[in-house]
Structures are given as C-alpha cells and as structure tokens.
Amino acid sequence: MTREKIGAAAAATQLPGWSVVDGRDAIRKRFVFADFKAAFAFMTRVALKAEQMDHHPEWSNVYATVDVLLATHDADGVTALDLELARYCDAAAG
C-alpha cells in the first residue's frame, strides 16, 4: 500500500460518515456501540488489523464510544493506508 498523499477532503468523499479534521490533513469518525464490551471488541479487531498493516490509528474510548482519527504521519497526511484502515473500521463496526 502506498504512502502517497491523497488528502483528507478527497478521502472523506469516499468514506461515508468520515470527516476532515480541522487544521490537519486527517480524517475522523465517531463509532457508538451498545456498551463498553462492544466498543472494546471493535477496538481489538481494529488493533489487530492496524498491527498487521503497521499503520496505527489515533483513537480514544469512553464507555461505548470510540473516536478514530487517521493520518499517515510520515506522509504528513491521508494516504491509501488510511482509506484501507477506515474501510476496515466501518466493516468491523458492523
């Protein structure tokens, strides 16, 4: 997968529910689950994929909510890696 910049605006148009982060070439989405157990299960699935990709999200979890922010740090912006991981997040969320 390439680390060539795509840009947050272009990426967000390809990813329903994802938005551009103000002041940064990054995308974000909030996932809300039924409870903490479901949120943590989602994070576990995504963590395993992220480790496999060697591409890790910035994220936070409060009870049933997981906020995910994606950008490729060494490219200083959004790349195809972020699109792949965002699509995986969407699929993992159900």
PDB file of N, CA and C in Angstrom:
ATOM      1  N   MET A   1       0.855  -1.178   0.000  1.00  0.00           N
ATOM      2  CA  MET A   1       0.000   0.000   0.000  1.00  0.00           C
ATOM      3  C   MET A   1       0.897   1.236   0.000  1.00  0.00           C
ATOM      4  N   THR A   2       0.518   2.221  -0.754  1.00  0.00           N
ATOM      5  CA  THR A   2       1.350   3.406  -0.919  1.00  0.00           C
ATOM      6  C   THR A   2       1.133   4.443   0.181  1.00  0.00           C
ATOM      7  N   ARG A   3       2.204   5.190   0.413  1.00  0.00           N
ATOM      8  CA  ARG A   3       2.134   6.283   1.386  1.00  0.00           C
ATOM      9  C   ARG A   3       2.056   7.634   0.683  1.00  0.00           C
ATOM     10  N   GLU A   4       1.621   7.615  -0.580  1.00  0.00           N
ATOM     11  CA  GLU A   4       1.438   8.851  -1.327  1.00  0.00           C
ATOM     12  C   GLU A   4       0.171   9.545  -0.838  1.00  0.00           C
ATOM     13  N   LYS A   5       0.272  10.846  -0.604  1.00  0.00           N
ATOM     14  CA  LYS A   5      -0.868  11.583  -0.054  1.00  0.00           C
ATOM     15  C   LYS A   5      -2.056  11.601  -1.010  1.00  0.00           C
ATOM     16  N   ILE A   6      -3.213  11.380  -0.438  1.00  0.00           N
ATOM     17  CA  ILE A   6      -4.480  11.506  -1.145  1.00  0.00           C
ATOM     18  C   ILE A   6      -5.147  12.815  -0.727  1.00  0.00           C
ATOM     19  N   GLY A   7      -5.039  13.121   0.549  1.00  0.00           N
ATOM     20  CA  GLY A   7      -5.665  14.313   1.110  1.00  0.00           C
ATOM     21  C   GLY A   7      -6.955  13.972   1.817  1.00  0.00           C
ATOM     22  N   ALA A   8      -7.199  14.662   2.921  1.00  0.00           N
ATOM     23  CA  ALA A   8      -8.362  14.383   3.757  1.00  0.00           C
ATOM     24  C   ALA A   8      -9.672  14.655   3.030  1.00  0.00           C
ATOM     25  N   ALA A   9      -9.747  15.750   2.291  1.00  0.00           N
ATOM     26  CA  ALA A   9     -11.004  16.090   1.619  1.00  0.00           C
ATOM     27  C   ALA A   9     -11.376  15.026   0.594  1.00  0.00           C
ATOM     28  N   ALA A  10     -10.407  14.580  -0.187  1.00  0.00           N
ATOM     29  CA  ALA A  10     -10.675  13.534  -1.187  1.00  0.00           C
ATOM     30  C   ALA A  10     -11.049  12.231  -0.499  1.00  0.00           C
ATOM     31  N   ALA A  11     -10.368  11.901   0.575  1.00  0.00           N
ATOM     32  CA  ALA A  11     -10.659  10.661   1.303  1.00  0.00           C
ATOM     33  C   ALA A  11     -12.062  10.690   1.892  1.00  0.00           C
ATOM     34  N   ALA A  12     -12.434  11.806   2.498  1.00  0.00           N
ATOM     35  CA  ALA A  12     -13.737  11.905   3.158  1.00  0.00           C
ATOM     36  C   ALA A  12     -14.889  11.721   2.171  1.00  0.00           C
ATOM     37  N   THR A  13     -14.695  12.115   0.918  1.00  0.00           N
ATOM     38  CA  THR A  13     -15.759  11.934  -0.073  1.00  0.00           C
ATOM     39  C   THR A  13     -15.952  10.466  -0.432  1.00  0.00           C
ATOM     40  N   GLN A  14     -14.934   9.644  -0.185  1.00  0.00           N
ATOM     41  CA  GLN A  14     -15.003   8.217  -0.498  1.00  0.00           C
ATOM     42  C   GLN A  14     -15.480   7.371   0.682  1.00  0.00           C
ATOM     43  N   LEU A  15     -15.591   8.007   1.854  1.00  0.00           N
ATOM     44  CA  LEU A  15     -15.860   7.264   3.086  1.00  0.00           C
ATOM     45  C   LEU A  15     -17.069   7.848   3.816  1.00  0.00           C
ATOM     46  N   PRO A  16     -18.236   7.244   3.653  1.00  0.00           N
ATOM     47  CA  PRO A  16     -19.433   7.765   4.325  1.00  0.00           C
ATOM     48  C   PRO A  16     -19.238   7.854   5.844  1.00  0.00           C
ATOM     49  N   GLY A  17     -19.605   9.002   6.389  1.00  0.00           N
ATOM     50  CA  GLY A  17     -19.537   9.203   7.834  1.00  0.00           C
ATOM     51  C   GLY A  17     -18.206   9.708   8.337  1.00  0.00           C
ATOM     52  N   TRP A  18     -17.179   9.696   7.509  1.00  0.00           N
ATOM     53  CA  TRP A  18     -15.865  10.216   7.892  1.00  0.00           C
ATOM     54  C   TRP A  18     -15.803  11.688   7.525  1.00  0.00           C
ATOM     55  N   SER A  19     -15.096  12.471   8.339  1.00  0.00           N
ATOM     56  CA  SER A  19     -14.997  13.910   8.085  1.00  0.00           C
ATOM     57  C   SER A  19     -13.550  14.372   8.191  1.00  0.00           C
ATOM     58  N   VAL A  20     -13.308  15.539   7.642  1.00  0.00           N
ATOM     59  CA  VAL A  20     -11.987  16.154   7.665  1.00  0.00           C
ATOM     60  C   VAL A  20     -11.748  16.763   9.041  1.00  0.00           C
ATOM     61  N   VAL A  21     -10.550  16.601   9.563  1.00  0.00           N
ATOM     62  CA  VAL A  21     -10.160  17.194  10.842  1.00  0.00           C
ATOM     63  C   VAL A  21      -9.742  18.637  10.585  1.00  0.00           C
ATOM     64  N   ASP A  22     -10.315  19.580  11.308  1.00  0.00           N
ATOM     65  CA  ASP A  22      -9.953  20.996  11.152  1.00  0.00           C
ATOM     66  C   ASP A  22      -8.475  21.205  11.440  1.00  0.00           C
ATOM     67  N   GLY A  23      -7.790  21.915  10.545  1.00  0.00           N
ATOM     68  CA  GLY A  23      -6.407  22.301  10.764  1.00  0.00           C
ATOM     69  C   GLY A  23      -5.387  21.190  10.577  1.00  0.00           C
ATOM     70  N   ARG A  24      -5.836  20.072   9.980  1.00  0.00           N
ATOM     71  CA  ARG A  24      -4.917  18.941   9.828  1.00  0.00           C
ATOM     72  C   ARG A  24      -5.349  18.090   8.644  1.00  0.00           C
ATOM     73  N   ASP A  25      -4.410  17.514   7.924  1.00  0.00           N
ATOM     74  CA  ASP A  25      -4.736  16.602   6.835  1.00  0.00           C
ATOM     75  C   ASP A  25      -4.963  15.222   7.433  1.00  0.00           C
ATOM     76  N   ALA A  26      -6.171  15.039   7.983  1.00  0.00           N
ATOM     77  CA  ALA A  26      -6.542  13.801   8.666  1.00  0.00           C
ATOM     78  C   ALA A  26      -8.061  13.652   8.580  1.00  0.00           C
ATOM     79  N   ILE A  27      -8.528  12.427   8.812  1.00  0.00           N
ATOM     80  CA  ILE A  27      -9.960  12.147   8.818  1.00  0.00           C
ATOM     81  C   ILE A  27     -10.348  11.520  10.150  1.00  0.00           C
ATOM     82  N   ARG A  28     -11.624  11.682  10.484  1.00  0.00           N
ATOM     83  CA  ARG A  28     -12.104  11.126  11.762  1.00  0.00           C
ATOM     84  C   ARG A  28     -13.524  10.626  11.629  1.00  0.00           C
ATOM     85  N   LYS A  29     -13.836   9.712  12.567  1.00  0.00           N
ATOM     86  CA  LYS A  29     -15.211   9.217  12.676  1.00  0.00           C
ATOM     87  C   LYS A  29     -15.448   8.764  14.103  1.00  0.00           C
ATOM     88  N   ARG A  30     -16.654   8.978  14.567  1.00  0.00           N
ATOM     89  CA  ARG A  30     -17.079   8.515  15.896  1.00  0.00           C
ATOM     90  C   ARG A  30     -17.960   7.286  15.717  1.00  0.00           C
ATOM     91  N   PHE A  31     -17.613   6.239  16.436  1.00  0.00           N
ATOM     92  CA  PHE A  31     -18.378   4.995  16.434  1.00  0.00           C
ATOM     93  C   PHE A  31     -19.026   4.852  17.806  1.00  0.00           C
ATOM     94  N   VAL A  32     -20.335   4.593  17.825  1.00  0.00           N
ATOM     95  CA  VAL A  32     -21.064   4.423  19.082  1.00  0.00           C
ATOM     96  C   VAL A  32     -21.656   3.013  19.090  1.00  0.00           C
ATOM     97  N   PHE A  33     -21.392   2.294  20.168  1.00  0.00           N
ATOM     98  CA  PHE A  33     -21.801   0.907  20.303  1.00  0.00           C
ATOM     99  C   PHE A  33     -22.823   0.771  21.432  1.00  0.00           C
ATOM    100  N   ALA A  34     -23.345  -0.414  21.589  1.00  0.00           N
ATOM    101  CA  ALA A  34     -24.364  -0.663  22.616  1.00  0.00           C
ATOM    102  C   ALA A  34     -23.804  -0.538  24.026  1.00  0.00           C
ATOM    103  N   ASP A  35     -22.529  -0.898  24.190  1.00  0.00           N
ATOM    104  CA  ASP A  35     -21.927  -0.876  25.520  1.00  0.00           C
ATOM    105  C   ASP A  35     -20.407  -0.915  25.404  1.00  0.00           C
ATOM    106  N   PHE A  36     -19.741  -0.909  26.538  1.00  0.00           N
ATOM    107  CA  PHE A  36     -18.279  -0.910  26.567  1.00  0.00           C
ATOM    108  C   PHE A  36     -17.705  -2.178  25.945  1.00  0.00           C
ATOM    109  N   LYS A  37     -18.325  -3.302  26.217  1.00  0.00           N
ATOM    110  CA  LYS A  37     -17.834  -4.578  25.690  1.00  0.00           C
ATOM    111  C   LYS A  37     -17.799  -4.562  24.163  1.00  0.00           C
ATOM    112  N   ALA A  38     -18.842  -4.052  23.543  1.00  0.00           N
ATOM    113  CA  ALA A  38     -18.897  -3.976  22.080  1.00  0.00           C
ATOM    114  C   ALA A  38     -17.855  -2.989  21.544  1.00  0.00           C
ATOM    115  N   ALA A  39     -17.686  -1.868  22.225  1.00  0.00           N
ATOM    116  CA  ALA A  39     -16.679  -0.885  21.808  1.00  0.00           C
ATOM    117  C   ALA A  39     -15.277  -1.471  21.899  1.00  0.00           C
ATOM    118  N   PHE A  40     -15.016  -2.176  22.979  1.00  0.00           N
ATOM    119  CA  PHE A  40     -13.692  -2.761  23.169  1.00  0.00           C
ATOM    120  C   PHE A  40     -13.435  -3.880  22.163  1.00  0.00           C
ATOM    121  N   ALA A  41     -14.450  -4.648  21.832  1.00  0.00           N
ATOM    122  CA  ALA A  41     -14.307  -5.701  20.822  1.00  0.00           C
ATOM    123  C   ALA A  41     -13.954  -5.082  19.468  1.00  0.00           C
ATOM    124  N   PHE A  42     -14.604  -3.977  19.120  1.00  0.00           N
ATOM    125  CA  PHE A  42     -14.279  -3.243  17.894  1.00  0.00           C
ATOM    126  C   PHE A  42     -12.824  -2.791  17.920  1.00  0.00           C
ATOM    127  N   MET A  43     -12.397  -2.211  19.025  1.00  0.00           N
ATOM    128  CA  MET A  43     -11.014  -1.734  19.122  1.00  0.00           C
ATOM    129  C   MET A  43     -10.026  -2.895  18.986  1.00  0.00           C
ATOM    130  N   THR A  44     -10.363  -4.031  19.528  1.00  0.00           N
ATOM    131  CA  THR A  44      -9.486  -5.194  19.420  1.00  0.00           C
ATOM    132  C   THR A  44      -9.355  -5.640  17.970  1.00  0.00           C
ATOM    133  N   ARG A  45     -10.474  -5.705  17.262  1.00  0.00           N
ATOM    134  CA  ARG A  45     -10.435  -6.098  15.845  1.00  0.00           C
ATOM    135  C   ARG A  45      -9.594  -5.109  15.041  1.00  0.00           C
ATOM    136  N   VAL A  46      -9.804  -3.831  15.262  1.00  0.00           N
ATOM    137  CA  VAL A  46      -9.062  -2.815  14.521  1.00  0.00           C
ATOM    138  C   VAL A  46      -7.590  -2.823  14.910  1.00  0.00           C
ATOM    139  N   ALA A  47      -7.296  -3.037  16.179  1.00  0.00           N
ATOM    140  CA  ALA A  47      -5.895  -3.075  16.623  1.00  0.00           C
ATOM    141  C   ALA A  47      -5.134  -4.197  15.938  1.00  0.00           C
ATOM    142  N   LEU A  48      -5.752  -5.347  15.777  1.00  0.00           N
ATOM    143  CA  LEU A  48      -5.086  -6.467  15.110  1.00  0.00           C
ATOM    144  C   LEU A  48      -4.816  -6.147  13.643  1.00  0.00           C
ATOM    145  N   LYS A  49      -5.773  -5.524  12.979  1.00  0.00           N
ATOM    146  CA  LYS A  49      -5.587  -5.117  11.581  1.00  0.00           C
ATOM    147  C   LYS A  49      -4.515  -4.040  11.478  1.00  0.00           C
ATOM    148  N   ALA A  50      -4.555  -3.073  12.366  1.00  0.00           N
ATOM    149  CA  ALA A  50      -3.574  -1.991  12.345  1.00  0.00           C
ATOM    150  C   ALA A  50      -2.161  -2.532  12.537  1.00  0.00           C
ATOM    151  N   GLU A  51      -2.008  -3.478  13.429  1.00  0.00           N
ATOM    152  CA  GLU A  51      -0.695  -4.081  13.665  1.00  0.00           C
ATOM    153  C   GLU A  51      -0.233  -4.834  12.424  1.00  0.00           C
ATOM    154  N   GLN A  52      -1.145  -5.548  11.791  1.00  0.00           N
ATOM    155  CA  GLN A  52      -0.818  -6.274  10.561  1.00  0.00           C
ATOM    156  C   GLN A  52      -0.364  -5.296   9.464  1.00  0.00           C
ATOM    157  N   MET A  53      -1.012  -4.143   9.391  1.00  0.00           N
ATOM    158  CA  MET A  53      -0.687  -3.127   8.385  1.00  0.00           C
ATOM    159  C   MET A  53       0.532  -2.287   8.768  1.00  0.00           C
ATOM    160  N   ASP A  54       0.928  -2.351  10.041  1.00  0.00           N
ATOM    161  CA  ASP A  54       1.937  -1.436  10.591  1.00  0.00           C
ATOM    162  C   ASP A  54       1.502   0.014  10.359  1.00  0.00           C
ATOM    163  N   HIS A  55       0.218   0.249  10.648  1.00  0.00           N
ATOM    164  CA  HIS A  55      -0.391   1.569  10.454  1.00  0.00           C
ATOM    165  C   HIS A  55      -1.426   1.754  11.557  1.00  0.00           C
ATOM    166  N   HIS A  56      -1.150   2.626  12.498  1.00  0.00           N
ATOM    167  CA  HIS A  56      -1.932   2.677  13.733  1.00  0.00           C
ATOM    168  C   HIS A  56      -2.766   3.952  13.837  1.00  0.00           C
ATOM    169  N   PRO A  57      -4.002   3.827  14.305  1.00  0.00           N
ATOM    170  CA  PRO A  57      -4.879   4.987  14.446  1.00  0.00           C
ATOM    171  C   PRO A  57      -4.545   5.803  15.697  1.00  0.00           C
ATOM    172  N   GLU A  58      -4.995   7.019  15.687  1.00  0.00           N
ATOM    173  CA  GLU A  58      -5.090   7.808  16.921  1.00  0.00           C
ATOM    174  C   GLU A  58      -6.542   7.631  17.332  1.00  0.00           C
ATOM    175  N   TRP A  59      -6.762   7.196  18.558  1.00  0.00           N
ATOM    176  CA  TRP A  59      -8.148   6.970  18.963  1.00  0.00           C
ATOM    177  C   TRP A  59      -8.319   7.108  20.456  1.00  0.00           C
ATOM    178  N   SER A  60      -9.583   7.249  20.832  1.00  0.00           N
ATOM    179  CA  SER A  60      -9.916   7.301  22.252  1.00  0.00           C
ATOM    180  C   SER A  60     -11.233   6.562  22.455  1.00  0.00           C
ATOM    181  N   ASN A  61     -11.415   6.085  23.667  1.00  0.00           N
ATOM    182  CA  ASN A  61     -12.603   5.326  24.015  1.00  0.00           C
ATOM    183  C   ASN A  61     -13.150   5.830  25.339  1.00  0.00           C
ATOM    184  N   VAL A  62     -14.438   6.152  25.337  1.00  0.00           N
ATOM    185  CA  VAL A  62     -15.152   6.454  26.563  1.00  0.00           C
ATOM    186  C   VAL A  62     -16.429   5.621  26.534  1.00  0.00           C
ATOM    187  N   TYR A  63     -16.472   4.653  27.431  1.00  0.00           N
ATOM    188  CA  TYR A  63     -17.567   3.705  27.562  1.00  0.00           C
ATOM    189  C   TYR A  63     -17.929   3.092  26.202  1.00  0.00           C
ATOM    190  N   ALA A  64     -19.026   3.475  25.585  1.00  0.00           N
ATOM    191  CA  ALA A  64     -19.482   2.840  24.347  1.00  0.00           C
ATOM    192  C   ALA A  64     -19.083   3.609  23.090  1.00  0.00           C
ATOM    193  N   THR A  65     -18.291   4.640  23.240  1.00  0.00           N
ATOM    194  CA  THR A  65     -17.910   5.492  22.116  1.00  0.00           C
ATOM    195  C   THR A  65     -16.422   5.360  21.820  1.00  0.00           C
ATOM    196  N   VAL A  66     -16.107   5.218  20.528  1.00  0.00           N
ATOM    197  CA  VAL A  66     -14.717   5.178  20.080  1.00  0.00           C
ATOM    198  C   VAL A  66     -14.553   6.246  19.008  1.00  0.00           C
ATOM    199  N   ASP A  67     -13.656   7.190  19.248  1.00  0.00           N
ATOM    200  CA  ASP A  67     -13.309   8.213  18.263  1.00  0.00           C
ATOM    201  C   ASP A  67     -12.022   7.785  17.572  1.00  0.00           C
ATOM    202  N   VAL A  68     -12.064   7.712  16.245  1.00  0.00           N
ATOM    203  CA  VAL A  68     -10.918   7.270  15.456  1.00  0.00           C
ATOM    204  C   VAL A  68     -10.461   8.418  14.567  1.00  0.00           C
ATOM    205  N   LEU A  69      -9.162   8.692  14.596  1.00  0.00           N
ATOM    206  CA  LEU A  69      -8.549   9.693  13.727  1.00  0.00           C
ATOM    207  C   LEU A  69      -7.451   8.993  12.940  1.00  0.00           C
ATOM    208  N   LEU A  70      -7.456   9.200  11.618  1.00  0.00           N
ATOM    209  CA  LEU A  70      -6.481   8.551  10.753  1.00  0.00           C
ATOM    210  C   LEU A  70      -5.686   9.556   9.942  1.00  0.00           C
ATOM    211  N   ALA A  71      -4.386   9.372   9.919  1.00  0.00           N
ATOM    212  CA  ALA A  71      -3.453  10.113   9.068  1.00  0.00           C
ATOM    213  C   ALA A  71      -2.168   9.294   9.031  1.00  0.00           C
ATOM    214  N   THR A  72      -1.434   9.421   7.949  1.00  0.00           N
ATOM    215  CA  THR A  72      -0.158   8.736   7.833  1.00  0.00           C
ATOM    216  C   THR A  72       0.928   9.735   8.224  1.00  0.00           C
ATOM    217  N   HIS A  73       1.508   9.543   9.393  1.00  0.00           N
ATOM    218  CA  HIS A  73       2.408  10.545   9.956  1.00  0.00           C
ATOM    219  C   HIS A  73       3.632  10.806   9.091  1.00  0.00           C
ATOM    220  N   ASP A  74       4.233   9.767   8.516  1.00  0.00           N
ATOM    221  CA  ASP A  74       5.435  10.007   7.729  1.00  0.00           C
ATOM    222  C   ASP A  74       5.125  10.623   6.362  1.00  0.00           C
ATOM    223  N   ALA A  75       3.859  10.664   5.968  1.00  0.00           N
ATOM    224  CA  ALA A  75       3.446  11.354   4.748  1.00  0.00           C
ATOM    225  C   ALA A  75       2.820  12.709   5.069  1.00  0.00           C
ATOM    226  N   ASP A  76       2.641  12.990   6.359  1.00  0.00           N
ATOM    227  CA  ASP A  76       2.020  14.228   6.824  1.00  0.00           C
ATOM    228  C   ASP A  76       0.646  14.443   6.202  1.00  0.00           C
ATOM    229  N   GLY A  77      -0.139  13.362   6.142  1.00  0.00           N
ATOM    230  CA  GLY A  77      -1.480  13.489   5.604  1.00  0.00           C
ATOM    231  C   GLY A  77      -2.124  12.140   5.367  1.00  0.00           C
ATOM    232  N   VAL A  78      -3.255  12.171   4.702  1.00  0.00           N
ATOM    233  CA  VAL A  78      -4.045  10.971   4.444  1.00  0.00           C
ATOM    234  C   VAL A  78      -3.517  10.264   3.195  1.00  0.00           C
ATOM    235  N   THR A  79      -3.352   8.934   3.321  1.00  0.00           N
ATOM    236  CA  THR A  79      -2.884   8.104   2.214  1.00  0.00           C
ATOM    237  C   THR A  79      -3.827   6.919   2.013  1.00  0.00           C
ATOM    238  N   ALA A  80      -3.484   6.078   1.063  1.00  0.00           N
ATOM    239  CA  ALA A  80      -4.273   4.873   0.809  1.00  0.00           C
ATOM    240  C   ALA A  80      -4.319   3.966   2.042  1.00  0.00           C
ATOM    241  N   LEU A  81      -3.293   4.017   2.872  1.00  0.00           N
ATOM    242  CA  LEU A  81      -3.311   3.236   4.118  1.00  0.00           C
ATOM    243  C   LEU A  81      -4.488   3.649   4.997  1.00  0.00           C
ATOM    244  N   ASP A  82      -4.728   4.939   5.062  1.00  0.00           N
ATOM    245  CA  ASP A  82      -5.838   5.439   5.882  1.00  0.00           C
ATOM    246  C   ASP A  82      -7.184   5.025   5.299  1.00  0.00           C
ATOM    247  N   LEU A  83      -7.294   5.050   3.968  1.00  0.00           N
ATOM    248  CA  LEU A  83      -8.532   4.590   3.343  1.00  0.00           C
ATOM    249  C   LEU A  83      -8.782   3.117   3.674  1.00  0.00           C
ATOM    250  N   GLU A  84      -7.753   2.305   3.586  1.00  0.00           N
ATOM    251  CA  GLU A  84      -7.890   0.888   3.888  1.00  0.00           C
ATOM    252  C   GLU A  84      -8.311   0.663   5.334  1.00  0.00           C
ATOM    253  N   LEU A  85      -7.654   1.362   6.257  1.00  0.00           N
ATOM    254  CA  LEU A  85      -7.990   1.171   7.669  1.00  0.00           C
ATOM    255  C   LEU A  85      -9.369   1.743   7.994  1.00  0.00           C
ATOM    256  N   ALA A  86      -9.750   2.845   7.367  1.00  0.00           N
ATOM    257  CA  ALA A  86     -11.089   3.410   7.590  1.00  0.00           C
ATOM    258  C   ALA A  86     -12.167   2.439   7.122  1.00  0.00           C
ATOM    259  N   ARG A  87     -11.960   1.845   5.958  1.00  0.00           N
ATOM    260  CA  ARG A  87     -12.929   0.861   5.460  1.00  0.00           C
ATOM    261  C   ARG A  87     -12.996  -0.350   6.385  1.00  0.00           C
ATOM    262  N   TYR A  88     -11.859  -0.748   6.911  1.00  0.00           N
ATOM    263  CA  TYR A  88     -11.848  -1.859   7.855  1.00  0.00           C
ATOM    264  C   TYR A  88     -12.622  -1.485   9.125  1.00  0.00           C
ATOM    265  N   CYS A  89     -12.418  -0.279   9.620  1.00  0.00           N
ATOM    266  CA  CYS A  89     -13.153   0.178  10.803  1.00  0.00           C
ATOM    267  C   CYS A  89     -14.659   0.114  10.560  1.00  0.00           C
ATOM    268  N   ASP A  90     -15.092   0.599   9.393  1.00  0.00           N
ATOM    269  CA  ASP A  90     -16.506   0.573   9.070  1.00  0.00           C
ATOM    270  C   ASP A  90     -17.053  -0.856   9.057  1.00  0.00           C
ATOM    271  N   ALA A  91     -16.296  -1.751   8.455  1.00  0.00           N
ATOM    272  CA  ALA A  91     -16.732  -3.156   8.391  1.00  0.00           C
ATOM    273  C   ALA A  91     -16.736  -3.792   9.785  1.00  0.00           C
ATOM    274  N   ALA A  92     -15.715  -3.500  10.576  1.00  0.00           N
ATOM    275  CA  ALA A  92     -15.611  -4.063  11.919  1.00  0.00           C
ATOM    276  C   ALA A  92     -16.716  -3.556  12.844  1.00  0.00           C
ATOM    277  N   ALA A  93     -17.205  -2.351  12.563  1.00  0.00           N
ATOM    278  CA  ALA A  93     -18.267  -1.770  13.395  1.00  0.00           C
ATOM    279  C   ALA A  93     -19.624  -2.400  13.079  1.00  0.00           C
ATOM    280  N   GLY A  94     -19.706  -3.050  11.933  1.00  0.00           N
ATOM    281  CA  GLY A  94     -20.960  -3.714  11.570  1.00  0.00           C
ATOM    282  C   GLY A  94     -21.874  -2.862  10.855  1.00  0.00           C
TER     283      GLY A  94
END
